[in-house]
Amino acid sequence: MFGIGTSELLVIALIVLLLFGGKKIPELMKGLGKGVKSFKDGVNGLDDNEDETKKKDEMKQE
């Protein structure tokens, strides 16, 4: 994963824990999860729009 090993991930996790504290981390992860979900929904929405456009073009050609 991006050339990062287990020890590097542990160091990063420790730094995040020290910076934000134990109480803020669940809130940060929840926000990150919502952001990823909305990004995926947006990408899927673009794919759906492309499919609908192709179907409409095919119907016009017939």
PDB file of N, CA and C in Angstrom:
ATOM      1  N   MET A   1       0.851  -1.182   0.000  1.00  0.00           N
ATOM      2  CA  MET A   1       0.000   0.000   0.000  1.00  0.00           C
ATOM      3  C   MET A   1       0.891   1.237   0.000  1.00  0.00           C
ATOM      4  N   PHE A   2       1.114   1.825  -1.104  1.00  0.00           N
ATOM      5  CA  PHE A   2       1.894   3.056  -1.266  1.00  0.00           C
ATOM      6  C   PHE A   2       3.320   2.924  -0.739  1.00  0.00           C
ATOM      7  N   GLY A   3       3.824   1.718  -0.632  1.00  0.00           N
ATOM      8  CA  GLY A   3       5.176   1.520  -0.143  1.00  0.00           C
ATOM      9  C   GLY A   3       5.328   1.783   1.344  1.00  0.00           C
ATOM     10  N   ILE A   4       4.220   1.748   2.082  1.00  0.00           N
ATOM     11  CA  ILE A   4       4.260   1.992   3.521  1.00  0.00           C
ATOM     12  C   ILE A   4       4.124   0.651   4.233  1.00  0.00           C
ATOM     13  N   GLY A   5       5.057   0.357   5.112  1.00  0.00           N
ATOM     14  CA  GLY A   5       5.026  -0.889   5.851  1.00  0.00           C
ATOM     15  C   GLY A   5       4.249  -0.779   7.147  1.00  0.00           C
ATOM     16  N   THR A   6       4.198  -1.876   7.858  1.00  0.00           N
ATOM     17  CA  THR A   6       3.451  -1.933   9.117  1.00  0.00           C
ATOM     18  C   THR A   6       4.027  -0.982  10.157  1.00  0.00           C
ATOM     19  N   SER A   7       5.331  -0.923  10.264  1.00  0.00           N
ATOM     20  CA  SER A   7       5.930  -0.052  11.277  1.00  0.00           C
ATOM     21  C   SER A   7       5.646   1.420  10.978  1.00  0.00           C
ATOM     22  N   GLU A   8       5.656   1.793   9.704  1.00  0.00           N
ATOM     23  CA  GLU A   8       5.349   3.183   9.353  1.00  0.00           C
ATOM     24  C   GLU A   8       3.900   3.528   9.670  1.00  0.00           C
ATOM     25  N   LEU A   9       2.984   2.579   9.412  1.00  0.00           N
ATOM     26  CA  LEU A   9       1.579   2.811   9.732  1.00  0.00           C
ATOM     27  C   LEU A   9       1.371   2.975  11.235  1.00  0.00           C
ATOM     28  N   LEU A  10       2.089   2.190  12.023  1.00  0.00           N
ATOM     29  CA  LEU A  10       1.982   2.317  13.476  1.00  0.00           C
ATOM     30  C   LEU A  10       2.493   3.671  13.957  1.00  0.00           C
ATOM     31  N   VAL A  11       3.572   4.150  13.374  1.00  0.00           N
ATOM     32  CA  VAL A  11       4.104   5.466  13.745  1.00  0.00           C
ATOM     33  C   VAL A  11       3.110   6.555  13.373  1.00  0.00           C
ATOM     34  N   ILE A  12       2.523   6.461  12.195  1.00  0.00           N
ATOM     35  CA  ILE A  12       1.533   7.455  11.764  1.00  0.00           C
ATOM     36  C   ILE A  12       0.322   7.429  12.689  1.00  0.00           C
ATOM     37  N   ALA A  13      -0.151   6.229  13.040  1.00  0.00           N
ATOM     38  CA  ALA A  13      -1.288   6.099  13.949  1.00  0.00           C
ATOM     39  C   ALA A  13      -0.977   6.700  15.314  1.00  0.00           C
ATOM     40  N   LEU A  14       0.213   6.485  15.806  1.00  0.00           N
ATOM     41  CA  LEU A  14       0.623   7.054  17.098  1.00  0.00           C
ATOM     42  C   LEU A  14       0.652   8.579  17.042  1.00  0.00           C
ATOM     43  N   ILE A  15       1.179   9.136  15.963  1.00  0.00           N
ATOM     44  CA  ILE A  15       1.223  10.592  15.815  1.00  0.00           C
ATOM     45  C   ILE A  15      -0.186  11.166  15.770  1.00  0.00           C
ATOM     46  N   VAL A  16      -1.086  10.514  15.009  1.00  0.00           N
ATOM     47  CA  VAL A  16      -2.478  10.979  14.937  1.00  0.00           C
ATOM     48  C   VAL A  16      -3.117  10.920  16.312  1.00  0.00           C
ATOM     49  N   LEU A  17      -2.870   9.846  17.043  1.00  0.00           N
ATOM     50  CA  LEU A  17      -3.430   9.720  18.392  1.00  0.00           C
ATOM     51  C   LEU A  17      -2.922  10.827  19.302  1.00  0.00           C
ATOM     52  N   LEU A  18      -1.654  11.156  19.215  1.00  0.00           N
ATOM     53  CA  LEU A  18      -1.091  12.214  20.049  1.00  0.00           C
ATOM     54  C   LEU A  18      -1.625  13.596  19.652  1.00  0.00           C
ATOM     55  N   LEU A  19      -1.799  13.821  18.354  1.00  0.00           N
ATOM     56  CA  LEU A  19      -2.261  15.135  17.896  1.00  0.00           C
ATOM     57  C   LEU A  19      -3.726  15.392  18.229  1.00  0.00           C
ATOM     58  N   PHE A  20      -4.576  14.395  17.993  1.00  0.00           N
ATOM     59  CA  PHE A  20      -6.010  14.621  18.109  1.00  0.00           C
ATOM     60  C   PHE A  20      -6.618  14.066  19.380  1.00  0.00           C
ATOM     61  N   GLY A  21      -5.955  13.164  20.049  1.00  0.00           N
ATOM     62  CA  GLY A  21      -6.500  12.582  21.270  1.00  0.00           C
ATOM     63  C   GLY A  21      -7.492  11.477  20.954  1.00  0.00           C
ATOM     64  N   GLY A  22      -7.734  10.650  21.927  1.00  0.00           N
ATOM     65  CA  GLY A  22      -8.602   9.491  21.741  1.00  0.00           C
ATOM     66  C   GLY A  22     -10.059   9.823  21.487  1.00  0.00           C
ATOM     67  N   LYS A  23     -10.522  10.961  22.002  1.00  0.00           N
ATOM     68  CA  LYS A  23     -11.942  11.301  21.860  1.00  0.00           C
ATOM     69  C   LYS A  23     -12.280  11.839  20.477  1.00  0.00           C
ATOM     70  N   LYS A  24     -11.346  12.465  19.826  1.00  0.00           N
ATOM     71  CA  LYS A  24     -11.615  13.072  18.514  1.00  0.00           C
ATOM     72  C   LYS A  24     -11.469  12.094  17.347  1.00  0.00           C
ATOM     73  N   ILE A  25     -10.726  11.020  17.536  1.00  0.00           N
ATOM     74  CA  ILE A  25     -10.459  10.101  16.430  1.00  0.00           C
ATOM     75  C   ILE A  25     -11.738   9.474  15.866  1.00  0.00           C
ATOM     76  N   PRO A  26     -12.691   8.994  16.681  1.00  0.00           N
ATOM     77  CA  PRO A  26     -13.924   8.453  16.081  1.00  0.00           C
ATOM     78  C   PRO A  26     -14.676   9.486  15.246  1.00  0.00           C
ATOM     79  N   GLU A  27     -14.687  10.739  15.687  1.00  0.00           N
ATOM     80  CA  GLU A  27     -15.343  11.788  14.915  1.00  0.00           C
ATOM     81  C   GLU A  27     -14.631  12.014  13.582  1.00  0.00           C
ATOM     82  N   LEU A  28     -13.298  11.992  13.618  1.00  0.00           N
ATOM     83  CA  LEU A  28     -12.528  12.169  12.390  1.00  0.00           C
ATOM     84  C   LEU A  28     -12.775  11.020  11.420  1.00  0.00           C
ATOM     85  N   MET A  29     -12.806   9.797  11.925  1.00  0.00           N
ATOM     86  CA  MET A  29     -13.032   8.632  11.071  1.00  0.00           C
ATOM     87  C   MET A  29     -14.440   8.641  10.492  1.00  0.00           C
ATOM     88  N   LYS A  30     -15.407   9.094  11.286  1.00  0.00           N
ATOM     89  CA  LYS A  30     -16.784   9.181  10.805  1.00  0.00           C
ATOM     90  C   LYS A  30     -16.867  10.186   9.656  1.00  0.00           C
ATOM     91  N   GLY A  31     -16.233  11.326   9.820  1.00  0.00           N
ATOM     92  CA  GLY A  31     -16.208  12.332   8.759  1.00  0.00           C
ATOM     93  C   GLY A  31     -15.495  11.832   7.515  1.00  0.00           C
ATOM     94  N   LEU A  32     -14.399  11.118   7.718  1.00  0.00           N
ATOM     95  CA  LEU A  32     -13.663  10.550   6.591  1.00  0.00           C
ATOM     96  C   LEU A  32     -14.513   9.520   5.862  1.00  0.00           C
ATOM     97  N   GLY A  33     -15.211   8.688   6.604  1.00  0.00           N
ATOM     98  CA  GLY A  33     -16.098   7.688   6.001  1.00  0.00           C
ATOM     99  C   GLY A  33     -17.205   8.315   5.188  1.00  0.00           C
ATOM    100  N   LYS A  34     -17.809   9.380   5.723  1.00  0.00           N
ATOM    101  CA  LYS A  34     -18.860  10.085   4.983  1.00  0.00           C
ATOM    102  C   LYS A  34     -18.312  10.702   3.706  1.00  0.00           C
ATOM    103  N   GLY A  35     -17.106  11.239   3.789  1.00  0.00           N
ATOM    104  CA  GLY A  35     -16.486  11.831   2.600  1.00  0.00           C
ATOM    105  C   GLY A  35     -16.217  10.798   1.521  1.00  0.00           C
ATOM    106  N   VAL A  36     -15.710   9.644   1.919  1.00  0.00           N
ATOM    107  CA  VAL A  36     -15.441   8.571   0.956  1.00  0.00           C
ATOM    108  C   VAL A  36     -16.745   8.074   0.347  1.00  0.00           C
ATOM    109  N   LYS A  37     -17.781   7.939   1.173  1.00  0.00           N
ATOM    110  CA  LYS A  37     -19.080   7.463   0.674  1.00  0.00           C
ATOM    111  C   LYS A  37     -19.667   8.451  -0.329  1.00  0.00           C
ATOM    112  N   SER A  38     -19.600   9.729  -0.025  1.00  0.00           N
ATOM    113  CA  SER A  38     -20.151  10.717  -0.951  1.00  0.00           C
ATOM    114  C   SER A  38     -19.340  10.761  -2.245  1.00  0.00           C
ATOM    115  N   PHE A  39     -18.024  10.552  -2.154  1.00  0.00           N
ATOM    116  CA  PHE A  39     -17.193  10.497  -3.354  1.00  0.00           C
ATOM    117  C   PHE A  39     -17.590   9.311  -4.223  1.00  0.00           C
ATOM    118  N   LYS A  40     -17.776   8.143  -3.603  1.00  0.00           N
ATOM    119  CA  LYS A  40     -18.186   6.958  -4.355  1.00  0.00           C
ATOM    120  C   LYS A  40     -19.556   7.160  -4.986  1.00  0.00           C
ATOM    121  N   ASP A  41     -20.480   7.752  -4.233  1.00  0.00           N
ATOM    122  CA  ASP A  41     -21.811   8.026  -4.775  1.00  0.00           C
ATOM    123  C   ASP A  41     -21.719   8.973  -5.965  1.00  0.00           C
ATOM    124  N   GLY A  42     -20.860   9.966  -5.866  1.00  0.00           N
ATOM    125  CA  GLY A  42     -20.679  10.903  -6.970  1.00  0.00           C
ATOM    126  C   GLY A  42     -20.109  10.234  -8.205  1.00  0.00           C
ATOM    127  N   VAL A  43     -19.130   9.353  -8.010  1.00  0.00           N
ATOM    128  CA  VAL A  43     -18.541   8.635  -9.138  1.00  0.00           C
ATOM    129  C   VAL A  43     -19.580   7.705  -9.758  1.00  0.00           C
ATOM    130  N   ASN A  44     -20.337   7.006  -8.929  1.00  0.00           N
ATOM    131  CA  ASN A  44     -21.382   6.123  -9.449  1.00  0.00           C
ATOM    132  C   ASN A  44     -22.456   6.923 -10.164  1.00  0.00           C
ATOM    133  N   GLY A  45     -22.759   8.111  -9.671  1.00  0.00           N
ATOM    134  CA  GLY A  45     -23.740   8.971 -10.329  1.00  0.00           C
ATOM    135  C   GLY A  45     -23.270   9.389 -11.704  1.00  0.00           C
ATOM    136  N   LEU A  46     -21.987   9.661 -11.856  1.00  0.00           N
ATOM    137  CA  LEU A  46     -21.445  10.007 -13.167  1.00  0.00           C
ATOM    138  C   LEU A  46     -21.564   8.838 -14.126  1.00  0.00           C
ATOM    139  N   ASP A  47     -21.284   7.635 -13.631  1.00  0.00           N
ATOM    140  CA  ASP A  47     -21.400   6.440 -14.459  1.00  0.00           C
ATOM    141  C   ASP A  47     -22.846   6.231 -14.888  1.00  0.00           C
ATOM    142  N   ASP A  48     -23.801   6.441 -13.970  1.00  0.00           N
ATOM    143  CA  ASP A  48     -25.216   6.285 -14.295  1.00  0.00           C
ATOM    144  C   ASP A  48     -25.640   7.299 -15.351  1.00  0.00           C
ATOM    145  N   ASN A  49     -25.154   8.535 -15.226  1.00  0.00           N
ATOM    146  CA  ASN A  49     -25.499   9.561 -16.199  1.00  0.00           C
ATOM    147  C   ASN A  49     -24.960   9.214 -17.584  1.00  0.00           C
ATOM    148  N   GLU A  50     -23.763   8.655 -17.644  1.00  0.00           N
ATOM    149  CA  GLU A  50     -23.188   8.254 -18.924  1.00  0.00           C
ATOM    150  C   GLU A  50     -24.008   7.138 -19.551  1.00  0.00           C
ATOM    151  N   ASP A  51     -24.449   6.174 -18.748  1.00  0.00           N
ATOM    152  CA  ASP A  51     -25.259   5.069 -19.259  1.00  0.00           C
ATOM    153  C   ASP A  51     -26.581   5.583 -19.807  1.00  0.00           C
ATOM    154  N   GLU A  52     -27.222   6.512 -19.088  1.00  0.00           N
ATOM    155  CA  GLU A  52     -28.489   7.074 -19.542  1.00  0.00           C
ATOM    156  C   GLU A  52     -28.312   7.847 -20.844  1.00  0.00           C
ATOM    157  N   THR A  53     -27.218   8.586 -20.957  1.00  0.00           N
ATOM    158  CA  THR A  53     -26.944   9.352 -22.165  1.00  0.00           C
ATOM    159  C   THR A  53     -26.732   8.422 -23.350  1.00  0.00           C
ATOM    160  N   LYS A  54     -26.012   7.338 -23.148  1.00  0.00           N
ATOM    161  CA  LYS A  54     -25.786   6.372 -24.231  1.00  0.00           C
ATOM    162  C   LYS A  54     -27.087   5.744 -24.678  1.00  0.00           C
ATOM    163  N   LYS A  55     -27.966   5.402 -23.728  1.00  0.00           N
ATOM    164  CA  LYS A  55     -29.254   4.791 -24.070  1.00  0.00           C
ATOM    165  C   LYS A  55     -30.108   5.768 -24.863  1.00  0.00           C
ATOM    166  N   LYS A  56     -30.116   7.037 -24.463  1.00  0.00           N
ATOM    167  CA  LYS A  56     -30.898   8.042 -25.176  1.00  0.00           C
ATOM    168  C   LYS A  56     -30.371   8.233 -26.591  1.00  0.00           C
ATOM    169  N   ASP A  57     -29.056   8.248 -26.755  1.00  0.00           N
ATOM    170  CA  ASP A  57     -28.453   8.379 -28.082  1.00  0.00           C
ATOM    171  C   ASP A  57     -28.805   7.200 -28.969  1.00  0.00           C
ATOM    172  N   GLU A  58     -28.778   5.989 -28.403  1.00  0.00           N
ATOM    173  CA  GLU A  58     -29.121   4.803 -29.171  1.00  0.00           C
ATOM    174  C   GLU A  58     -30.578   4.837 -29.611  1.00  0.00           C
ATOM    175  N   MET A  59     -31.459   5.327 -28.742  1.00  0.00           N
ATOM    176  CA  MET A  59     -32.888   5.392 -29.073  1.00  0.00           C
ATOM    177  C   MET A  59     -33.133   6.427 -30.175  1.00  0.00           C
ATOM    178  N   LYS A  60     -32.382   7.523 -30.147  1.00  0.00           N
ATOM    179  CA  LYS A  60     -32.538   8.555 -31.174  1.00  0.00           C
ATOM    180  C   LYS A  60     -32.089   8.056 -32.531  1.00  0.00           C
ATOM    181  N   GLN A  61     -31.062   7.210 -32.555  1.00  0.00           N
ATOM    182  CA  GLN A  61     -30.531   6.712 -33.809  1.00  0.00           C
ATOM    183  C   GLN A  61     -31.471   5.700 -34.459  1.00  0.00           C
ATOM    184  N   GLU A  62     -32.293   5.057 -33.674  1.00  0.00           N
ATOM    185  CA  GLU A  62     -33.224   4.045 -34.221  1.00  0.00           C
ATOM    186  C   GLU A  62     -34.401   4.723 -34.770  1.00  0.00           C
TER     187      GLU A  62
END
